[in-house]
Amino acid sequence: MKQAPAYLRIAESIRKQIAQGKLGPGDRLPPVRELASQWKCSPGTVNSAYAELAREGLVVGQRGGGTHVATGPLAHERSAWRWTVLVNRAERYLLDAIGAGHTPAEAQAALAQALARWNESQDHPTAPTESPTITCIRFVGSHDLAVEYLFQILKRKHPDIDFDVEYKGSLGGLIAMARGEADLAGCHLWDEQSGTYNIPYVRRVLPGRKVAIFTLVYRRLGLIVAPDNPLHIERIEDLSRSDVRFINRQEGSGTRVWLDAHLRSLGVSPEEVKGYDTIEITHTSVAKAVAEGHADVGLGIQAAATAYGLDFVQLTREEYDLVIDQKAWKTEGVQALLALARTTEFHDAVEAMGGYDTRDTGKETWL
C-alpha cells in the first residue's frame, strides 16, 4: 500500500493526540524545526501539516507565539462537520496502519455449536413507541466474542432486522460514529490519565453528542500463550525478551491502547518487542497465530485462548461497552438487541465461554 505524504502523516499524528487528550485546547505544538528534526523532514513539510490542521480549525497560529491547539470560541463552535474532517483523516491513518482487510472470526464454528443450545422460545422484545426509522443497525468497533454471539442471536430471533458488523477497533468505532457511518460502537478504551474506560474517549471524539454507554461485559485481558506456557511468559516485561515472538493488535484497538500505555509505564520501547509491528485484527486471529506457531504470545481475551485450547495469563479486567447514538437508541432494532443482552440466557452463555463477567450488563450511562 502506498504511504501517505509526510505532511499528512504528521497531521494524522497530531489529530490522534488531540483525540486521545494528549493535546488539549491551548497547548502549544512543537516548533517547526524541532518537529522537522523528529520526523526527519524539511520545515516546509511541517508547515504544510500545520496548515492542513489550521484549515480544519484544529490549530491556530499566533504571531511570535507558535502554533496552538484551538481554544475559546473556535474550539467550542467546532461542529459535526469539522469533526467529520478530523475523523475521516484519522480513519484513513488507521487503515494505512492496518494495511490489510479484516480477518474472519476463526472461532465462528465453535460458537455456532454453543448457539445451538439457544432457547428458541424467547419472546420478541416490545418495540418502543414512535421509534425512528433505521433500516439497518450499523455496528463498528472492537472485536469481541460476546458481540459476535449477540448479533447471531439477533439474526435468529429477529430475522427481519438487518444489521452490519465491522471490526475496526474501539477508536475506529467512535470515529465511524462521528462520521455518521455507525449507529453504535463497541469500545474498551482505557484512559491512562483517569484510569477509566471509554467515557474520556467518547467525550473527546464525540463532543456535544448525546449518547448512551451501555455496559455489555467485563472481560479478562492477558497473555495468550502455548499450552503449559513453555517459555514461562508471565508479564508485559517478558515481551521484550529476545526469545519471545509477539503478535500485536492494530493501532486504534483498545487492546493496543492498553498495551502501549503499559509499555510506556515500564520503560519498554516498541523496538524492544519482537513482532510489535506484526498485527492481527481480532482476538481469535491472535490466538490462531499462537496456536499455529507463528508467534509465542499475543495480548487478547481469555475466551479467544479457550477457543484454541491455549493457556492464558490474566493481566487485567477490562470493561467493554456499547456506545449508542441517541437517535439509534430509540429504534426497534437497537432495543431488540439490548433486550437480548439483558437476558439470563445471554449472560449464562457468555460466561460459559470463559473470562467474562456479566454482573453489570445492561447498565446505562448517558453523556
Protein backbone atom coordinates (compact mmCIF):
# COMPACT_ATOMS: atom_id res chain seq x y z
CA MET A 1 0.00 0.00 0.00
CA LYS A 2 1.36 3.41 -0.96
CA GLN A 3 2.31 5.51 2.03
CA ALA A 4 0.61 8.87 2.53
CA PRO A 5 2.72 12.03 2.08
CA ALA A 6 4.79 13.01 5.10
CA TYR A 7 2.83 16.16 5.88
CA LEU A 8 -0.43 14.16 6.05
CA ARG A 9 1.18 11.57 8.34
CA ILE A 10 2.38 14.36 10.63
CA ALA A 11 -1.10 15.88 10.65
CA GLU A 12 -2.65 12.48 11.42
CA SER A 13 -0.27 12.02 14.35
CA ILE A 14 -1.33 15.35 15.84
CA ARG A 15 -5.03 14.63 15.25
CA LYS A 16 -4.65 11.36 17.12
CA GLN A 17 -3.02 13.14 20.08
CA ILE A 18 -5.92 15.60 20.18
CA ALA A 19 -8.49 12.76 20.03
CA GLN A 20 -6.74 10.90 22.86
CA GLY A 21 -6.48 14.00 25.02
CA LYS A 22 -2.69 14.13 24.90
CA LEU A 23 -3.01 17.62 23.40
CA GLY A 24 -5.69 19.87 24.86
CA PRO A 25 -7.13 23.30 23.95
CA GLY A 26 -4.41 25.92 24.14
CA ASP A 27 -1.48 23.51 24.18
CA ARG A 28 1.46 24.63 22.08
CA LEU A 29 2.64 22.37 19.26
CA PRO A 30 6.38 21.76 18.83
CA PRO A 31 8.32 24.41 16.91
CA VAL A 32 8.53 23.68 13.19
CA ARG A 33 12.27 22.93 13.16
CA GLU A 34 12.02 20.69 16.20
CA LEU A 35 9.22 18.60 14.68
CA ALA A 36 11.04 18.50 11.34
CA SER A 37 14.04 17.02 13.13
CA GLN A 38 11.86 14.40 14.83
CA TRP A 39 10.24 13.36 11.55
CA LYS A 40 13.46 13.73 9.53
CA CYS A 41 11.78 16.02 7.02
CA SER A 42 12.01 19.62 5.87
CA PRO A 43 10.49 22.54 7.82
CA GLY A 44 8.23 23.14 4.81
CA THR A 45 6.69 19.70 5.30
CA VAL A 46 5.81 20.52 8.92
CA ASN A 47 4.41 23.91 7.83
CA SER A 48 2.15 22.07 5.37
CA ALA A 49 0.93 19.76 8.15
CA TYR A 50 0.16 22.72 10.42
CA ALA A 51 -1.62 24.48 7.56
CA GLU A 52 -3.76 21.38 6.98
CA LEU A 53 -4.75 21.33 10.65
CA ALA A 54 -5.43 25.06 10.63
CA ARG A 55 -7.83 24.69 7.68
CA GLU A 56 -9.81 22.20 9.78
CA GLY A 57 -9.95 24.59 12.73
CA LEU A 58 -7.93 22.31 14.99
CA VAL A 59 -4.96 24.63 15.48
CA VAL A 60 -4.29 28.35 15.33
CA GLY A 61 -1.07 30.25 14.68
CA GLN A 62 -0.04 33.12 16.91
CA ARG A 63 2.44 35.68 15.60
CA GLY A 64 5.63 35.17 17.56
CA GLY A 65 3.93 32.58 19.77
CA GLY A 66 3.96 29.42 17.69
CA THR A 67 1.05 27.11 16.82
CA HIS A 68 -1.50 26.06 19.44
CA VAL A 69 -4.46 23.68 19.66
CA ALA A 70 -7.60 25.74 19.05
CA THR A 71 -9.35 27.08 22.14
CA GLY A 72 -12.06 29.55 23.05
CA PRO A 73 -14.96 30.15 20.64
CA LEU A 74 -13.24 28.37 17.74
CA ALA A 75 -12.93 25.13 19.70
CA HIS A 76 -16.42 25.31 21.19
CA GLU A 77 -18.02 26.09 17.85
CA ARG A 78 -16.38 23.15 16.13
CA SER A 79 -19.44 21.41 14.78
CA ALA A 80 -20.08 17.93 13.48
CA TRP A 81 -18.73 18.68 10.03
CA ARG A 82 -15.40 19.80 11.48
CA TRP A 83 -15.14 16.56 13.37
CA THR A 84 -16.10 14.69 10.24
CA VAL A 85 -12.95 16.06 8.60
CA LEU A 86 -10.89 15.05 11.62
CA VAL A 87 -12.21 11.53 11.97
CA ASN A 88 -12.19 10.90 8.23
CA ARG A 89 -8.46 11.51 8.13
CA ALA A 90 -7.89 9.63 11.39
CA GLU A 91 -9.65 6.59 9.98
CA ARG A 92 -7.51 6.67 6.85
CA TYR A 93 -4.48 6.76 9.13
CA LEU A 94 -5.74 3.65 10.96
CA LEU A 95 -6.47 1.86 7.71
CA ASP A 96 -2.98 2.62 6.43
CA ALA A 97 -1.56 1.19 9.65
CA ILE A 98 -3.59 -1.98 9.31
CA GLY A 99 -2.59 -2.36 5.68
CA ALA A 100 -4.98 -5.27 5.08
CA GLY A 101 -8.63 -6.32 5.21
CA HIS A 102 -10.44 -7.77 8.18
CA THR A 103 -9.67 -11.33 9.22
CA PRO A 104 -12.83 -13.50 9.52
CA ALA A 105 -13.55 -14.78 13.01
CA GLU A 106 -11.96 -18.25 13.08
CA ALA A 107 -13.94 -19.17 16.20
CA GLN A 108 -17.24 -18.98 14.26
CA ALA A 109 -17.69 -22.74 14.01
CA ALA A 110 -17.06 -23.28 17.73
CA LEU A 111 -19.50 -20.55 18.67
CA ALA A 112 -22.13 -21.99 16.33
CA GLN A 113 -22.11 -25.19 18.41
CA ALA A 114 -22.77 -23.19 21.57
CA LEU A 115 -25.52 -21.21 19.83
CA ALA A 116 -27.36 -24.45 19.02
CA ARG A 117 -28.35 -24.54 22.70
CA TRP A 118 -30.13 -21.22 22.49
CA ASN A 119 -33.69 -21.25 23.76
CA GLU A 120 -35.90 -20.73 20.69
CA SER A 121 -38.97 -19.90 22.79
CA GLN A 122 -37.87 -16.41 23.86
CA ASP A 123 -40.42 -13.70 23.11
CA HIS A 124 -39.62 -10.75 20.93
CA PRO A 125 -38.96 -7.55 22.85
CA THR A 126 -41.67 -4.94 22.66
CA ALA A 127 -40.92 -2.23 20.12
CA PRO A 128 -40.64 1.28 21.56
CA THR A 129 -43.25 3.82 20.60
CA GLU A 130 -42.52 6.43 17.94
CA SER A 131 -39.25 4.79 17.00
CA PRO A 132 -37.28 6.47 14.20
CA THR A 133 -36.86 4.54 11.00
CA ILE A 134 -33.40 2.99 10.68
CA THR A 135 -33.44 0.12 8.23
CA CYS A 136 -30.11 -1.39 9.29
CA ILE A 137 -28.19 -1.40 12.57
CA ARG A 138 -24.62 -0.38 11.79
CA PHE A 139 -22.07 -1.60 14.34
CA VAL A 140 -18.40 -0.64 14.11
CA GLY A 141 -15.93 -1.30 16.87
CA SER A 142 -13.68 -3.66 18.73
CA HIS A 143 -13.83 -7.38 18.12
CA ASP A 144 -15.40 -9.43 20.90
CA LEU A 145 -16.82 -12.95 21.03
CA ALA A 146 -19.80 -11.81 23.11
CA VAL A 147 -20.64 -9.24 20.42
CA GLU A 148 -20.46 -11.94 17.74
CA TYR A 149 -22.79 -14.09 19.83
CA LEU A 150 -25.22 -11.23 20.46
CA PHE A 151 -25.63 -10.43 16.77
CA GLN A 152 -26.05 -14.09 15.89
CA ILE A 153 -28.88 -14.29 18.44
CA LEU A 154 -30.43 -11.17 16.91
CA LYS A 155 -30.33 -12.78 13.47
CA ARG A 156 -32.00 -15.94 14.80
CA LYS A 157 -34.65 -14.24 16.92
CA HIS A 158 -35.37 -11.25 14.67
CA PRO A 159 -34.64 -12.23 11.04
CA ASP A 160 -36.49 -9.10 9.90
CA ILE A 161 -33.89 -6.80 11.49
CA ASP A 162 -30.94 -6.05 9.23
CA PHE A 163 -27.52 -5.27 10.65
CA ASP A 164 -23.96 -4.73 9.51
CA VAL A 165 -20.97 -5.52 11.73
CA GLU A 166 -17.43 -4.26 11.12
CA TYR A 167 -14.46 -4.78 13.42
CA LYS A 168 -12.21 -1.71 13.15
CA GLY A 169 -11.07 -1.35 16.74
CA SER A 170 -12.51 0.73 19.56
CA LEU A 171 -11.25 4.08 18.29
CA GLY A 172 -12.34 3.17 14.77
CA GLY A 173 -15.86 2.62 16.10
CA LEU A 174 -16.07 6.06 17.69
CA ILE A 175 -14.63 7.59 14.53
CA ALA A 176 -17.31 5.87 12.44
CA MET A 177 -20.00 7.27 14.76
CA ALA A 178 -18.55 10.76 14.40
CA ARG A 179 -18.71 10.39 10.62
CA GLY A 180 -22.32 9.21 10.75
CA GLU A 181 -21.29 5.78 9.48
CA ALA A 182 -22.26 3.79 12.60
CA ASP A 183 -25.22 3.73 14.98
CA LEU A 184 -23.32 2.06 17.78
CA ALA A 185 -19.70 1.29 18.57
CA GLY A 186 -18.05 -1.39 20.68
CA CYS A 187 -15.30 0.05 22.88
CA HIS A 188 -12.86 -0.88 25.62
CA LEU A 189 -10.56 2.14 25.55
CA TRP A 190 -8.55 2.53 28.74
CA ASP A 191 -7.67 6.13 29.56
CA GLU A 192 -4.20 6.26 31.08
CA GLN A 193 -4.73 9.57 32.86
CA SER A 194 -8.01 8.78 34.62
CA GLY A 195 -7.66 5.00 34.85
CA THR A 196 -11.21 4.61 33.50
CA TYR A 197 -12.69 3.10 30.35
CA ASN A 198 -14.37 4.71 27.34
CA ILE A 199 -16.01 7.87 28.74
CA PRO A 200 -12.96 10.16 28.31
CA TYR A 201 -12.56 8.99 24.70
CA VAL A 202 -16.27 9.41 23.93
CA ARG A 203 -16.17 12.99 25.20
CA ARG A 204 -13.12 13.82 23.09
CA VAL A 205 -14.20 12.16 19.84
CA LEU A 206 -17.96 12.89 20.09
CA PRO A 207 -18.06 16.32 21.78
CA GLY A 208 -21.56 17.61 22.41
CA ARG A 209 -23.23 14.42 21.13
CA LYS A 210 -25.91 12.81 23.33
CA VAL A 211 -25.01 9.13 23.52
CA ALA A 212 -25.67 6.20 25.81
CA ILE A 213 -22.92 3.98 27.16
CA PHE A 214 -24.37 0.51 27.64
CA THR A 215 -22.21 -1.86 29.69
CA LEU A 216 -22.03 -5.16 27.83
CA VAL A 217 -19.43 -7.23 29.69
CA TYR A 218 -16.32 -7.19 31.79
CA ARG A 219 -13.68 -9.48 30.34
CA ARG A 220 -10.27 -10.83 31.24
CA LEU A 221 -7.40 -9.49 29.17
CA GLY A 222 -4.00 -11.11 29.27
CA LEU A 223 -1.27 -13.08 27.54
CA ILE A 224 -2.29 -15.85 25.16
CA VAL A 225 0.45 -18.48 25.15
CA ALA A 226 1.03 -22.08 24.06
CA PRO A 227 -0.29 -24.92 26.27
CA ASP A 228 1.70 -25.24 29.51
CA ASN A 229 3.37 -21.89 28.72
CA PRO A 230 6.73 -23.46 27.72
CA LEU A 231 8.56 -20.10 27.60
CA HIS A 232 7.19 -19.04 31.01
CA ILE A 233 5.81 -15.74 29.72
CA GLU A 234 4.13 -14.14 32.71
CA ARG A 235 4.42 -10.35 32.49
CA ILE A 236 4.39 -7.48 29.99
CA GLU A 237 8.12 -7.13 30.57
CA ASP A 238 8.63 -10.61 29.11
CA LEU A 239 7.56 -9.33 25.68
CA SER A 240 10.96 -7.65 25.34
CA ARG A 241 12.87 -10.93 25.77
CA SER A 242 14.96 -11.92 22.75
CA ASP A 243 13.48 -15.45 22.69
CA VAL A 244 9.85 -14.27 22.57
CA ARG A 245 7.88 -13.56 19.36
CA PHE A 246 4.86 -11.31 19.87
CA ILE A 247 1.74 -10.84 17.75
CA ASN A 248 0.13 -7.39 18.14
CA ARG A 249 -3.27 -5.79 17.50
CA GLN A 250 -3.85 -2.86 15.17
CA GLU A 251 -3.41 0.76 16.23
CA GLY A 252 -6.68 2.20 17.44
CA SER A 253 -7.83 -1.05 19.08
CA GLY A 254 -8.47 -0.90 22.81
CA THR A 255 -6.03 -3.74 23.35
CA ARG A 256 -3.25 -1.81 21.60
CA VAL A 257 -4.05 1.35 23.61
CA TRP A 258 -3.75 -0.63 26.86
CA LEU A 259 -0.52 -2.31 25.77
CA ASP A 260 1.17 0.90 24.65
CA ALA A 261 0.30 2.66 27.91
CA HIS A 262 1.78 -0.15 29.98
CA LEU A 263 4.89 -0.44 27.85
CA ARG A 264 5.48 3.25 28.42
CA SER A 265 4.98 2.94 32.16
CA LEU A 266 7.52 0.10 32.26
CA GLY A 267 10.05 1.95 30.12
CA VAL A 268 9.87 -0.70 27.37
CA SER A 269 10.08 0.71 23.82
CA PRO A 270 8.19 -0.94 20.95
CA GLU A 271 11.53 -1.57 19.23
CA GLU A 272 12.42 -3.97 22.04
CA VAL A 273 9.38 -6.17 21.34
CA LYS A 274 10.00 -8.67 18.55
CA GLY A 275 6.84 -8.73 16.42
CA TYR A 276 5.39 -5.44 17.67
CA ASP A 277 4.68 -4.37 14.06
CA THR A 278 3.04 -7.71 13.17
CA ILE A 279 -0.69 -7.28 13.64
CA GLU A 280 -3.99 -9.12 13.56
CA ILE A 281 -7.45 -7.56 13.64
CA THR A 282 -9.33 -9.87 16.02
CA HIS A 283 -8.66 -11.68 19.27
CA THR A 284 -9.34 -15.00 17.61
CA SER A 285 -6.81 -14.33 14.85
CA VAL A 286 -4.21 -13.52 17.52
CA ALA A 287 -4.98 -16.82 19.24
CA LYS A 288 -4.82 -18.63 15.91
CA ALA A 289 -1.34 -17.21 15.22
CA VAL A 290 -0.13 -18.53 18.56
CA ALA A 291 -1.81 -21.91 18.04
CA GLU A 292 -0.16 -22.32 14.63
CA GLY A 293 3.29 -21.38 15.97
CA HIS A 294 3.59 -18.06 14.12
CA ALA A 295 4.03 -16.29 17.46
CA ASP A 296 4.82 -17.27 21.04
CA VAL A 297 2.45 -14.82 22.69
CA GLY A 298 -0.30 -12.34 21.97
CA LEU A 299 -2.39 -9.97 24.07
CA GLY A 300 -6.06 -10.87 24.00
CA ILE A 301 -9.12 -12.08 25.86
CA GLN A 302 -9.39 -15.38 27.68
CA ALA A 303 -12.32 -16.58 25.56
CA ALA A 304 -10.14 -16.49 22.42
CA ALA A 305 -7.41 -18.51 24.15
CA THR A 306 -10.00 -21.05 25.29
CA ALA A 307 -11.38 -21.40 21.75
CA TYR A 308 -7.95 -22.63 20.57
CA GLY A 309 -7.02 -24.70 23.61
CA LEU A 310 -4.26 -22.29 24.64
CA ASP A 311 -3.08 -21.15 28.04
CA PHE A 312 -3.89 -17.71 29.39
CA VAL A 313 -2.15 -15.40 31.86
CA GLN A 314 -4.57 -12.76 33.13
CA LEU A 315 -3.22 -9.21 33.39
CA THR A 316 -6.35 -7.12 33.96
CA ARG A 317 -10.14 -7.00 33.80
CA GLU A 318 -11.49 -4.53 31.26
CA GLU A 319 -14.88 -3.02 30.54
CA TYR A 320 -16.46 -3.50 27.11
CA ASP A 321 -19.28 -1.04 26.38
CA LEU A 322 -21.65 -0.31 23.54
CA VAL A 323 -21.70 3.41 22.69
CA ILE A 324 -25.08 4.20 21.14
CA ASP A 325 -26.27 7.33 19.38
CA GLN A 326 -29.44 8.81 20.90
CA LYS A 327 -31.40 8.50 17.66
CA ALA A 328 -30.38 4.88 17.18
CA TRP A 329 -31.20 4.08 20.81
CA LYS A 330 -34.91 4.63 20.15
CA THR A 331 -35.12 2.26 17.20
CA GLU A 332 -36.81 -1.11 17.33
CA GLY A 333 -33.67 -2.94 16.17
CA VAL A 334 -31.36 -1.49 18.82
CA GLN A 335 -33.93 -2.01 21.56
CA ALA A 336 -34.30 -5.64 20.48
CA LEU A 337 -30.51 -6.06 20.59
CA LEU A 338 -30.26 -4.56 24.08
CA ALA A 339 -33.16 -6.65 25.35
CA LEU A 340 -31.33 -9.80 24.25
CA ALA A 341 -28.18 -8.60 26.04
CA ARG A 342 -30.14 -8.34 29.29
CA THR A 343 -31.48 -11.90 29.24
CA THR A 344 -30.30 -14.60 31.63
CA GLU A 345 -29.71 -16.89 28.68
CA PHE A 346 -27.23 -14.44 27.15
CA HIS A 347 -25.42 -13.98 30.45
CA ASP A 348 -25.11 -17.72 31.03
CA ALA A 349 -23.89 -18.47 27.51
CA VAL A 350 -21.30 -15.67 27.52
CA GLU A 351 -19.91 -16.61 30.92
CA ALA A 352 -19.66 -20.22 29.74
CA MET A 353 -17.16 -19.06 27.08
CA GLY A 354 -14.69 -18.25 29.85
CA GLY A 355 -13.23 -14.97 31.03
CA TYR A 356 -16.45 -12.94 31.02
CA ASP A 357 -18.38 -11.27 33.84
CA THR A 358 -21.93 -10.04 33.19
CA ARG A 359 -22.78 -8.65 36.63
CA ASP A 360 -23.25 -5.10 35.26
CA THR A 361 -24.56 -5.99 31.81
CA GLY A 362 -27.36 -3.58 30.90
CA LYS A 363 -26.12 -0.64 32.97
CA GLU A 364 -26.80 2.65 31.18
CA THR A 365 -24.82 5.89 31.37
CA TRP A 366 -25.88 8.92 29.32
CA LEU A 367 -23.49 11.62 28.19
